Amino acid sequence: GGKKKCAIFGFCDIKKFTEVTELLQEDIMIFVNKIGELVHSSVYRYGGSANKNIGEAFLMIWPLPEETYKINTKTNEITWKN
């Protein structure tokens, strides 16, 4: 089962996360949660979802409206409309 969809994927990484962890120590989760709140709210505002958080990285997805494309199920070729 399932249905093929087109989407834009994004990946956000906190630079120098190891160094920040060493500096903030037990407060690192406060820092990560604040960044998570910013990432999630920004992605959601533009119609996407923050899909996964892996410590210092976030995976985001913006599904494309189905009326903008067609997928040939035999060849997996995408045809863009207009």
N, C-alpha and C. Protein backbone atom coordinates (compact mmCIF):
# COMPACT_ATOMS: atom_id res chain seq x y z
N GLY A 1 0.81 -1.20 0.00
CA GLY A 1 0.00 0.00 0.00
C GLY A 1 0.84 1.25 0.00
N GLY A 2 0.17 2.34 0.15
CA GLY A 2 0.83 3.63 0.19
C GLY A 2 0.60 4.42 -1.08
N LYS A 3 1.00 5.67 -1.04
CA LYS A 3 0.82 6.56 -2.16
C LYS A 3 2.08 7.41 -2.31
N LYS A 4 2.56 7.56 -3.53
CA LYS A 4 3.74 8.38 -3.77
C LYS A 4 3.36 9.84 -3.72
N LYS A 5 4.23 10.63 -3.11
CA LYS A 5 4.02 12.07 -2.96
C LYS A 5 5.32 12.79 -3.26
N CYS A 6 5.21 14.04 -3.65
CA CYS A 6 6.38 14.90 -3.83
C CYS A 6 6.48 15.85 -2.64
N ALA A 7 7.70 16.06 -2.20
CA ALA A 7 7.92 16.94 -1.05
C ALA A 7 9.32 17.53 -1.11
N ILE A 8 9.50 18.59 -0.38
CA ILE A 8 10.82 19.19 -0.21
C ILE A 8 11.29 18.82 1.19
N PHE A 9 12.51 18.29 1.27
CA PHE A 9 13.08 17.93 2.55
C PHE A 9 14.18 18.92 2.91
N GLY A 10 14.27 19.25 4.18
CA GLY A 10 15.31 20.14 4.66
C GLY A 10 16.01 19.52 5.85
N PHE A 11 17.25 19.90 6.03
CA PHE A 11 18.04 19.39 7.14
C PHE A 11 18.72 20.58 7.80
N CYS A 12 18.55 20.70 9.11
CA CYS A 12 19.13 21.81 9.86
C CYS A 12 20.06 21.23 10.92
N ASP A 13 21.27 21.74 10.98
CA ASP A 13 22.27 21.23 11.91
C ASP A 13 22.79 22.39 12.77
N ILE A 14 22.88 22.18 14.08
CA ILE A 14 23.41 23.20 14.99
C ILE A 14 24.93 23.14 14.91
N LYS A 15 25.53 24.19 14.37
CA LYS A 15 26.99 24.22 14.23
C LYS A 15 27.66 24.24 15.61
N LYS A 16 28.80 23.57 15.67
CA LYS A 16 29.63 23.53 16.88
C LYS A 16 28.84 23.02 18.10
N PHE A 17 27.95 22.07 17.87
CA PHE A 17 27.10 21.54 18.93
C PHE A 17 27.92 20.94 20.08
N THR A 18 29.00 20.22 19.75
CA THR A 18 29.84 19.61 20.78
C THR A 18 30.45 20.67 21.68
N GLU A 19 30.95 21.74 21.08
CA GLU A 19 31.55 22.82 21.88
C GLU A 19 30.51 23.49 22.76
N VAL A 20 29.30 23.72 22.20
CA VAL A 20 28.22 24.35 22.96
C VAL A 20 27.80 23.43 24.12
N THR A 21 27.75 22.12 23.87
CA THR A 21 27.39 21.15 24.91
C THR A 21 28.37 21.24 26.07
N GLU A 22 29.65 21.31 25.76
CA GLU A 22 30.67 21.40 26.81
C GLU A 22 30.53 22.68 27.63
N LEU A 23 30.17 23.79 26.96
CA LEU A 23 30.02 25.06 27.66
C LEU A 23 28.75 25.10 28.52
N LEU A 24 27.64 24.64 27.98
CA LEU A 24 26.35 24.74 28.67
C LEU A 24 26.10 23.60 29.65
N GLN A 25 26.75 22.48 29.43
CA GLN A 25 26.61 21.27 30.26
C GLN A 25 25.15 20.93 30.50
N GLU A 26 24.67 21.03 31.76
CA GLU A 26 23.30 20.59 32.06
C GLU A 26 22.23 21.50 31.44
N ASP A 27 22.60 22.69 31.00
CA ASP A 27 21.64 23.60 30.37
C ASP A 27 21.51 23.38 28.87
N ILE A 28 22.18 22.37 28.33
CA ILE A 28 22.14 22.13 26.89
C ILE A 28 20.72 21.84 26.41
N MET A 29 19.91 21.15 27.21
CA MET A 29 18.55 20.82 26.78
C MET A 29 17.68 22.08 26.67
N ILE A 30 17.92 23.06 27.51
CA ILE A 30 17.19 24.34 27.41
C ILE A 30 17.53 24.98 26.06
N PHE A 31 18.80 24.97 25.70
CA PHE A 31 19.27 25.52 24.43
C PHE A 31 18.65 24.78 23.25
N VAL A 32 18.71 23.44 23.26
CA VAL A 32 18.16 22.63 22.16
C VAL A 32 16.65 22.82 22.06
N ASN A 33 15.95 22.88 23.20
CA ASN A 33 14.50 23.07 23.18
C ASN A 33 14.12 24.43 22.60
N LYS A 34 14.89 25.46 22.90
CA LYS A 34 14.62 26.79 22.34
C LYS A 34 14.82 26.78 20.83
N ILE A 35 15.89 26.14 20.37
CA ILE A 35 16.11 26.04 18.93
C ILE A 35 15.00 25.20 18.30
N GLY A 36 14.62 24.09 18.96
CA GLY A 36 13.53 23.25 18.46
C GLY A 36 12.24 24.02 18.31
N GLU A 37 11.93 24.86 19.28
CA GLU A 37 10.72 25.68 19.21
C GLU A 37 10.77 26.63 18.01
N LEU A 38 11.92 27.22 17.78
CA LEU A 38 12.10 28.13 16.64
C LEU A 38 11.97 27.38 15.32
N VAL A 39 12.64 26.24 15.21
CA VAL A 39 12.59 25.45 13.98
C VAL A 39 11.16 24.97 13.71
N HIS A 40 10.53 24.35 14.71
CA HIS A 40 9.18 23.82 14.52
C HIS A 40 8.18 24.90 14.15
N SER A 41 8.21 26.03 14.84
CA SER A 41 7.24 27.09 14.54
C SER A 41 7.47 27.70 13.16
N SER A 42 8.73 27.85 12.76
CA SER A 42 9.03 28.42 11.44
C SER A 42 8.62 27.47 10.32
N VAL A 43 8.91 26.21 10.48
CA VAL A 43 8.56 25.22 9.46
C VAL A 43 7.04 25.10 9.35
N TYR A 44 6.36 25.04 10.49
CA TYR A 44 4.90 24.93 10.51
C TYR A 44 4.25 26.15 9.86
N ARG A 45 4.80 27.34 10.11
CA ARG A 45 4.26 28.58 9.55
C ARG A 45 4.21 28.53 8.03
N TYR A 46 5.15 27.83 7.42
CA TYR A 46 5.22 27.75 5.96
C TYR A 46 4.73 26.41 5.42
N GLY A 47 3.84 25.75 6.17
CA GLY A 47 3.14 24.56 5.68
C GLY A 47 3.89 23.25 5.78
N GLY A 48 4.95 23.22 6.55
CA GLY A 48 5.72 21.99 6.68
C GLY A 48 5.62 21.37 8.06
N SER A 49 6.42 20.35 8.26
CA SER A 49 6.49 19.66 9.54
C SER A 49 7.95 19.37 9.86
N ALA A 50 8.32 19.58 11.11
CA ALA A 50 9.63 19.15 11.57
C ALA A 50 9.46 17.67 11.91
N ASN A 51 10.11 16.82 11.14
CA ASN A 51 9.85 15.39 11.18
C ASN A 51 10.62 14.68 12.27
N LYS A 52 11.87 15.07 12.48
CA LYS A 52 12.71 14.32 13.41
C LYS A 52 13.80 15.22 13.97
N ASN A 53 14.14 14.98 15.23
CA ASN A 53 15.26 15.68 15.87
C ASN A 53 16.23 14.61 16.34
N ILE A 54 17.49 14.76 15.92
CA ILE A 54 18.54 13.82 16.33
C ILE A 54 19.62 14.63 17.02
N GLY A 55 19.39 14.98 18.28
CA GLY A 55 20.37 15.78 19.02
C GLY A 55 20.57 17.14 18.40
N GLU A 56 21.60 17.27 17.59
CA GLU A 56 21.96 18.56 17.01
C GLU A 56 21.34 18.82 15.64
N ALA A 57 20.51 17.91 15.15
CA ALA A 57 20.00 18.06 13.79
C ALA A 57 18.48 17.88 13.74
N PHE A 58 17.87 18.57 12.78
CA PHE A 58 16.43 18.50 12.56
C PHE A 58 16.17 18.13 11.11
N LEU A 59 15.23 17.21 10.89
CA LEU A 59 14.77 16.87 9.55
C LEU A 59 13.40 17.50 9.37
N MET A 60 13.21 18.23 8.27
CA MET A 60 11.95 18.94 8.02
C MET A 60 11.40 18.53 6.66
N ILE A 61 10.09 18.65 6.50
CA ILE A 61 9.45 18.28 5.24
C ILE A 61 8.33 19.26 4.92
N TRP A 62 8.26 19.63 3.64
CA TRP A 62 7.17 20.45 3.12
C TRP A 62 6.53 19.66 1.97
N PRO A 63 5.34 19.09 2.19
CA PRO A 63 4.68 18.36 1.10
C PRO A 63 4.21 19.34 0.03
N LEU A 64 4.36 18.95 -1.23
CA LEU A 64 3.91 19.78 -2.34
C LEU A 64 2.44 19.47 -2.63
N PRO A 65 1.65 20.48 -2.97
CA PRO A 65 0.24 20.24 -3.28
C PRO A 65 0.09 19.25 -4.44
N GLU A 66 -0.79 18.28 -4.26
CA GLU A 66 -0.96 17.23 -5.27
C GLU A 66 -1.42 17.78 -6.62
N GLU A 67 -2.08 18.92 -6.61
CA GLU A 67 -2.55 19.48 -7.89
C GLU A 67 -1.41 20.09 -8.72
N THR A 68 -0.19 20.14 -8.18
CA THR A 68 0.92 20.74 -8.92
C THR A 68 1.77 19.72 -9.68
N TYR A 69 1.49 18.43 -9.50
CA TYR A 69 2.30 17.42 -10.18
C TYR A 69 1.50 16.14 -10.39
N LYS A 70 2.05 15.28 -11.25
CA LYS A 70 1.47 13.96 -11.48
C LYS A 70 2.64 12.98 -11.53
N ILE A 71 2.50 11.83 -10.88
CA ILE A 71 3.54 10.81 -10.87
C ILE A 71 3.07 9.62 -11.71
N ASN A 72 3.88 9.26 -12.71
CA ASN A 72 3.60 8.07 -13.51
C ASN A 72 4.01 6.87 -12.66
N THR A 73 3.05 6.06 -12.25
CA THR A 73 3.32 4.95 -11.33
C THR A 73 4.16 3.84 -11.96
N LYS A 74 4.20 3.79 -13.30
CA LYS A 74 5.00 2.75 -13.96
C LYS A 74 6.47 3.15 -14.07
N THR A 75 6.71 4.43 -14.37
CA THR A 75 8.09 4.89 -14.59
C THR A 75 8.63 5.74 -13.44
N ASN A 76 7.75 6.10 -12.49
CA ASN A 76 8.09 7.02 -11.39
C ASN A 76 8.49 8.41 -11.88
N GLU A 77 8.14 8.72 -13.11
CA GLU A 77 8.45 10.04 -13.66
C GLU A 77 7.45 11.07 -13.15
N ILE A 78 7.97 12.23 -12.76
CA ILE A 78 7.13 13.31 -12.27
C ILE A 78 6.90 14.31 -13.39
N THR A 79 5.63 14.67 -13.60
CA THR A 79 5.28 15.69 -14.56
C THR A 79 4.70 16.86 -13.78
N TRP A 80 5.28 18.04 -13.97
CA TRP A 80 4.82 19.23 -13.28
C TRP A 80 3.71 19.89 -14.08
N LYS A 81 2.67 20.28 -13.39
CA LYS A 81 1.55 20.96 -14.05
C LYS A 81 1.78 22.46 -14.00
N ASN A 82 1.58 23.11 -15.15
CA ASN A 82 1.75 24.57 -15.27
C ASN A 82 3.14 25.00 -14.82
